[in-house]
N, C-alpha and C. Protein backbone atom coordinates (compact mmCIF):
# COMPACT_ATOMS: atom_id res chain seq x y z
N ARG A 1 -67.38 -125.93 150.49
CA ARG A 1 -67.98 -125.12 149.46
C ARG A 1 -68.91 -124.05 150.02
N ALA A 2 -69.12 -124.06 151.33
CA ALA A 2 -69.97 -123.05 151.97
C ALA A 2 -69.68 -123.05 153.47
N VAL A 3 -70.00 -121.94 154.12
CA VAL A 3 -69.83 -121.82 155.56
C VAL A 3 -71.12 -121.30 156.16
N VAL A 4 -71.52 -121.88 157.29
CA VAL A 4 -72.62 -121.36 158.09
C VAL A 4 -72.02 -120.90 159.42
N ASN A 5 -72.14 -119.63 159.68
CA ASN A 5 -71.60 -119.00 160.88
C ASN A 5 -72.76 -118.65 161.80
N LEU A 6 -72.88 -119.39 162.90
CA LEU A 6 -73.95 -119.13 163.85
C LEU A 6 -73.38 -118.34 165.03
N ALA A 7 -73.48 -117.03 164.94
CA ALA A 7 -73.08 -116.12 166.02
C ALA A 7 -71.62 -116.28 166.42
N GLY A 8 -70.78 -116.54 165.45
CA GLY A 8 -69.37 -116.76 165.75
C GLY A 8 -68.56 -115.48 165.78
N ALA A 9 -67.51 -115.50 166.59
CA ALA A 9 -66.55 -114.40 166.60
C ALA A 9 -65.76 -114.47 165.30
N THR A 10 -65.55 -113.34 164.66
CA THR A 10 -64.84 -113.32 163.38
C THR A 10 -63.52 -112.58 163.46
N ASP A 11 -63.35 -111.72 164.45
CA ASP A 11 -62.11 -110.96 164.62
C ASP A 11 -61.73 -111.00 166.10
N LEU A 12 -60.81 -111.90 166.44
CA LEU A 12 -60.45 -112.09 167.84
C LEU A 12 -59.68 -110.92 168.43
N VAL A 13 -59.13 -110.07 167.59
CA VAL A 13 -58.44 -108.87 168.08
C VAL A 13 -59.47 -107.92 168.69
N THR A 14 -60.61 -107.75 168.05
CA THR A 14 -61.63 -106.83 168.57
C THR A 14 -62.59 -107.51 169.52
N TRP A 15 -62.72 -108.84 169.44
CA TRP A 15 -63.66 -109.56 170.31
C TRP A 15 -63.02 -109.95 171.63
N ASN A 16 -61.79 -110.04 171.76
CA ASN A 16 -61.01 -110.39 172.93
C ASN A 16 -61.80 -110.64 174.22
N LYS A 17 -62.61 -111.68 174.23
CA LYS A 17 -63.42 -112.06 175.39
C LYS A 17 -62.57 -112.89 176.35
N GLU A 18 -62.28 -112.34 177.48
CA GLU A 18 -61.45 -113.04 178.47
C GLU A 18 -62.31 -113.85 179.42
N PRO A 19 -61.84 -114.99 179.87
CA PRO A 19 -60.51 -115.57 179.66
C PRO A 19 -60.48 -116.55 178.48
N TYR A 20 -61.53 -116.61 177.70
CA TYR A 20 -61.67 -117.64 176.68
C TYR A 20 -60.59 -117.57 175.60
N VAL A 21 -60.41 -116.43 175.02
CA VAL A 21 -59.48 -116.32 173.91
C VAL A 21 -58.04 -116.50 174.37
N SER A 22 -57.67 -115.87 175.46
CA SER A 22 -56.29 -115.99 175.93
C SER A 22 -55.97 -117.43 176.34
N ALA A 23 -56.93 -118.13 176.91
CA ALA A 23 -56.70 -119.54 177.28
C ALA A 23 -56.52 -120.39 176.02
N TYR A 24 -57.29 -120.10 175.00
CA TYR A 24 -57.20 -120.85 173.74
C TYR A 24 -55.90 -120.55 173.00
N LEU A 25 -55.50 -119.29 173.01
CA LEU A 25 -54.33 -118.87 172.23
C LEU A 25 -53.03 -118.83 173.05
N GLY A 26 -53.12 -119.11 174.33
CA GLY A 26 -51.92 -119.20 175.14
C GLY A 26 -51.32 -117.89 175.60
N GLY A 27 -52.12 -116.85 175.63
CA GLY A 27 -51.63 -115.56 176.11
C GLY A 27 -52.58 -114.44 175.78
N SER A 28 -52.28 -113.28 176.30
CA SER A 28 -53.14 -112.11 176.10
C SER A 28 -52.95 -111.51 174.71
N LEU A 29 -53.86 -110.64 174.37
CA LEU A 29 -53.76 -109.92 173.10
C LEU A 29 -52.45 -109.14 173.03
N GLU A 30 -52.04 -108.56 174.12
CA GLU A 30 -50.81 -107.77 174.15
C GLU A 30 -49.57 -108.62 173.85
N THR A 31 -49.58 -109.88 174.29
CA THR A 31 -48.40 -110.74 174.10
C THR A 31 -48.49 -111.66 172.89
N LYS A 32 -49.70 -111.85 172.35
CA LYS A 32 -49.90 -112.81 171.25
C LYS A 32 -50.71 -112.21 170.10
N ARG A 33 -50.53 -110.93 169.82
CA ARG A 33 -51.33 -110.25 168.79
C ARG A 33 -51.32 -110.99 167.45
N ASP A 34 -50.19 -111.48 167.02
CA ASP A 34 -50.13 -112.21 165.74
C ASP A 34 -50.97 -113.47 165.79
N GLN A 35 -50.98 -114.17 166.92
CA GLN A 35 -51.81 -115.37 167.07
C GLN A 35 -53.30 -115.01 166.97
N TYR A 36 -53.68 -113.91 167.59
CA TYR A 36 -55.07 -113.47 167.54
C TYR A 36 -55.48 -113.18 166.09
N LYS A 37 -54.60 -112.55 165.35
CA LYS A 37 -54.89 -112.26 163.94
C LYS A 37 -54.99 -113.55 163.13
N LYS A 38 -54.05 -114.46 163.35
CA LYS A 38 -54.06 -115.73 162.60
C LYS A 38 -55.29 -116.57 162.91
N ALA A 39 -55.82 -116.45 164.11
CA ALA A 39 -56.98 -117.23 164.52
C ALA A 39 -58.30 -116.57 164.14
N SER A 40 -58.26 -115.41 163.50
CA SER A 40 -59.47 -114.65 163.16
C SER A 40 -59.91 -114.93 161.74
N PRO A 41 -61.09 -115.52 161.57
CA PRO A 41 -61.58 -115.83 160.21
C PRO A 41 -61.62 -114.62 159.28
N ILE A 42 -61.86 -113.45 159.82
CA ILE A 42 -61.98 -112.25 158.99
C ILE A 42 -60.71 -112.00 158.17
N ASN A 43 -59.58 -112.47 158.65
CA ASN A 43 -58.32 -112.24 157.96
C ASN A 43 -58.07 -113.20 156.80
N TYR A 44 -59.01 -114.10 156.56
CA TYR A 44 -58.86 -115.05 155.46
C TYR A 44 -59.85 -114.81 154.33
N VAL A 45 -60.60 -113.73 154.42
CA VAL A 45 -61.55 -113.37 153.38
C VAL A 45 -60.79 -112.82 152.18
N ARG A 46 -61.08 -113.38 151.02
CA ARG A 46 -60.46 -112.98 149.75
C ARG A 46 -61.51 -113.05 148.66
N PRO A 47 -61.24 -112.44 147.52
CA PRO A 47 -62.13 -112.69 146.38
C PRO A 47 -62.16 -114.20 146.13
N GLY A 48 -63.32 -114.73 145.93
CA GLY A 48 -63.46 -116.17 145.71
C GLY A 48 -63.69 -116.97 146.98
N THR A 49 -63.72 -116.29 148.15
CA THR A 49 -64.06 -116.99 149.38
C THR A 49 -65.41 -117.66 149.20
N VAL A 50 -65.56 -118.86 149.74
CA VAL A 50 -66.83 -119.58 149.58
C VAL A 50 -67.96 -118.77 150.18
N PRO A 51 -69.19 -118.96 149.70
CA PRO A 51 -70.34 -118.24 150.25
C PRO A 51 -70.50 -118.53 151.75
N ILE A 52 -70.85 -117.49 152.49
CA ILE A 52 -71.04 -117.61 153.94
C ILE A 52 -72.42 -117.09 154.30
N LEU A 53 -73.09 -117.84 155.16
CA LEU A 53 -74.33 -117.40 155.80
C LEU A 53 -74.00 -117.12 157.25
N THR A 54 -74.30 -115.92 157.72
CA THR A 54 -74.12 -115.58 159.13
C THR A 54 -75.48 -115.27 159.73
N ILE A 55 -75.77 -115.94 160.83
CA ILE A 55 -76.99 -115.67 161.60
C ILE A 55 -76.56 -115.23 162.99
N HIS A 56 -77.04 -114.06 163.41
CA HIS A 56 -76.61 -113.49 164.68
C HIS A 56 -77.78 -112.78 165.34
N GLY A 57 -77.95 -112.96 166.63
CA GLY A 57 -79.00 -112.27 167.37
C GLY A 57 -78.58 -110.87 167.77
N ASP A 58 -79.49 -109.93 167.67
CA ASP A 58 -79.16 -108.55 168.02
C ASP A 58 -79.02 -108.33 169.53
N LYS A 59 -79.43 -109.31 170.32
CA LYS A 59 -79.32 -109.23 171.79
C LYS A 59 -78.22 -110.15 172.32
N ASP A 60 -77.33 -110.59 171.46
CA ASP A 60 -76.25 -111.51 171.85
C ASP A 60 -75.25 -110.77 172.75
N THR A 61 -75.10 -111.25 173.97
CA THR A 61 -74.14 -110.65 174.90
C THR A 61 -72.85 -111.48 174.99
N SER A 62 -72.82 -112.63 174.34
CA SER A 62 -71.60 -113.46 174.33
C SER A 62 -70.67 -113.03 173.21
N VAL A 63 -71.23 -112.91 172.02
CA VAL A 63 -70.49 -112.44 170.86
C VAL A 63 -71.30 -111.30 170.25
N SER A 64 -70.76 -110.11 170.30
CA SER A 64 -71.48 -108.94 169.82
C SER A 64 -71.85 -109.09 168.34
N PRO A 65 -73.03 -108.61 167.97
CA PRO A 65 -73.42 -108.61 166.56
C PRO A 65 -72.44 -107.80 165.69
N ASP A 66 -71.64 -106.96 166.31
CA ASP A 66 -70.62 -106.22 165.57
C ASP A 66 -69.68 -107.18 164.84
N GLN A 67 -69.47 -108.36 165.40
CA GLN A 67 -68.61 -109.35 164.76
C GLN A 67 -69.20 -109.78 163.42
N ALA A 68 -70.50 -109.94 163.36
CA ALA A 68 -71.16 -110.28 162.11
C ALA A 68 -71.06 -109.14 161.10
N LEU A 69 -71.20 -107.93 161.59
CA LEU A 69 -71.11 -106.76 160.71
C LEU A 69 -69.70 -106.58 160.15
N LEU A 70 -68.69 -106.86 160.97
CA LEU A 70 -67.31 -106.80 160.48
C LEU A 70 -67.09 -107.79 159.34
N LEU A 71 -67.57 -109.01 159.53
CA LEU A 71 -67.42 -110.02 158.48
C LEU A 71 -68.19 -109.61 157.23
N ASP A 72 -69.38 -109.09 157.41
CA ASP A 72 -70.19 -108.66 156.27
C ASP A 72 -69.46 -107.59 155.46
N ALA A 73 -68.90 -106.61 156.14
CA ALA A 73 -68.17 -105.55 155.45
C ALA A 73 -66.97 -106.10 154.71
N ARG A 74 -66.23 -107.00 155.35
CA ARG A 74 -65.03 -107.57 154.72
C ARG A 74 -65.40 -108.41 153.51
N MET A 75 -66.48 -109.18 153.60
CA MET A 75 -66.92 -110.00 152.47
C MET A 75 -67.34 -109.11 151.31
N LYS A 76 -68.07 -108.06 151.58
CA LYS A 76 -68.49 -107.14 150.52
C LYS A 76 -67.28 -106.46 149.88
N GLU A 77 -66.33 -106.06 150.71
CA GLU A 77 -65.11 -105.42 150.22
C GLU A 77 -64.35 -106.35 149.27
N ALA A 78 -64.37 -107.64 149.57
CA ALA A 78 -63.67 -108.62 148.74
C ALA A 78 -64.50 -109.08 147.54
N GLY A 79 -65.77 -108.68 147.50
CA GLY A 79 -66.64 -109.13 146.42
C GLY A 79 -67.10 -110.56 146.59
N ALA A 80 -67.07 -111.05 147.82
CA ALA A 80 -67.47 -112.43 148.11
C ALA A 80 -68.94 -112.46 148.56
N SER A 81 -69.55 -113.63 148.42
CA SER A 81 -70.97 -113.79 148.73
C SER A 81 -71.17 -114.00 150.24
N HIS A 82 -71.95 -113.10 150.85
CA HIS A 82 -72.26 -113.21 152.27
C HIS A 82 -73.71 -112.87 152.49
N THR A 83 -74.41 -113.76 153.16
CA THR A 83 -75.79 -113.52 153.55
C THR A 83 -75.79 -113.30 155.05
N LEU A 84 -76.23 -112.12 155.47
CA LEU A 84 -76.25 -111.76 156.88
C LEU A 84 -77.70 -111.67 157.36
N VAL A 85 -77.99 -112.42 158.42
CA VAL A 85 -79.31 -112.39 159.05
C VAL A 85 -79.11 -111.98 160.50
N ILE A 86 -79.59 -110.79 160.85
CA ILE A 86 -79.58 -110.34 162.24
C ILE A 86 -80.99 -110.55 162.77
N GLU A 87 -81.11 -111.43 163.76
CA GLU A 87 -82.43 -111.78 164.30
C GLU A 87 -82.77 -110.89 165.48
N ASN A 88 -83.86 -110.14 165.35
CA ASN A 88 -84.31 -109.22 166.39
C ASN A 88 -84.77 -109.97 167.63
N GLY A 89 -84.31 -109.48 168.79
CA GLY A 89 -84.74 -110.04 170.06
C GLY A 89 -84.07 -111.35 170.44
N ARG A 90 -83.11 -111.79 169.67
CA ARG A 90 -82.48 -113.08 169.92
C ARG A 90 -81.08 -112.89 170.49
N GLY A 91 -80.72 -113.76 171.43
CA GLY A 91 -79.39 -113.75 172.03
C GLY A 91 -78.45 -114.66 171.27
N HIS A 92 -77.48 -115.20 171.99
CA HIS A 92 -76.48 -116.10 171.41
C HIS A 92 -77.13 -117.46 171.17
N THR A 93 -76.95 -117.98 169.98
CA THR A 93 -77.62 -119.24 169.65
C THR A 93 -76.81 -120.06 168.68
N ASP A 94 -77.07 -121.34 168.68
CA ASP A 94 -76.49 -122.22 167.67
C ASP A 94 -77.58 -123.10 167.06
N GLU A 95 -78.81 -122.61 167.14
CA GLU A 95 -79.94 -123.37 166.58
C GLU A 95 -79.99 -123.24 165.07
N LEU A 96 -80.20 -124.37 164.43
CA LEU A 96 -80.38 -124.38 162.98
C LEU A 96 -81.85 -124.19 162.67
N ASP A 97 -82.13 -123.35 161.71
CA ASP A 97 -83.51 -123.19 161.28
C ASP A 97 -83.57 -123.33 159.76
N GLN A 98 -84.71 -123.11 159.19
CA GLN A 98 -84.91 -123.33 157.75
C GLN A 98 -84.00 -122.45 156.91
N THR A 99 -83.62 -121.29 157.42
CA THR A 99 -82.72 -120.40 156.68
C THR A 99 -81.41 -121.12 156.33
N VAL A 100 -80.90 -121.89 157.28
CA VAL A 100 -79.66 -122.62 157.06
C VAL A 100 -79.84 -123.66 155.96
N TRP A 101 -80.90 -124.43 156.06
CA TRP A 101 -81.13 -125.49 155.07
C TRP A 101 -81.37 -124.90 153.69
N ASP A 102 -82.09 -123.79 153.60
CA ASP A 102 -82.32 -123.14 152.31
C ASP A 102 -81.00 -122.64 151.70
N PHE A 103 -80.15 -122.04 152.53
CA PHE A 103 -78.85 -121.55 152.09
C PHE A 103 -78.00 -122.70 151.55
N LEU A 104 -77.93 -123.79 152.32
CA LEU A 104 -77.10 -124.93 151.88
C LEU A 104 -77.65 -125.57 150.62
N GLU A 105 -78.95 -125.69 150.53
CA GLU A 105 -79.53 -126.29 149.33
C GLU A 105 -79.21 -125.42 148.10
N LYS A 106 -79.37 -124.13 148.21
CA LYS A 106 -79.10 -123.22 147.10
C LYS A 106 -77.60 -123.20 146.75
N THR A 107 -76.76 -123.13 147.77
CA THR A 107 -75.33 -122.96 147.56
C THR A 107 -74.65 -124.24 147.08
N LEU A 108 -75.09 -125.37 147.56
CA LEU A 108 -74.38 -126.62 147.26
C LEU A 108 -74.92 -127.36 146.03
N LYS A 109 -75.92 -126.81 145.40
CA LYS A 109 -76.45 -127.46 144.18
C LYS A 109 -75.51 -127.31 143.04
């Protein structure tokens, strides 16, 4: 009924971080483009998509904050609920803070 995205890649076609994605998908973007698209959460956004909270650090060098912005734009385009928090001065993280608990409490009630 809700998703919490902590600095996750949302479009593997544009994020193509080697060798991680190719090892996971069994080949390069050039040879497995359809697999990259199928594995990208951004391609499953539709009207009625469950609410998503995305928290991303603006200094993240593992997964660019652009990935969060792509998801935000796609969610808005679909008319779906997306809360985007870009944390200044923060890198890649998977720490849960009060924002997550507040989102889940509000969304899951």
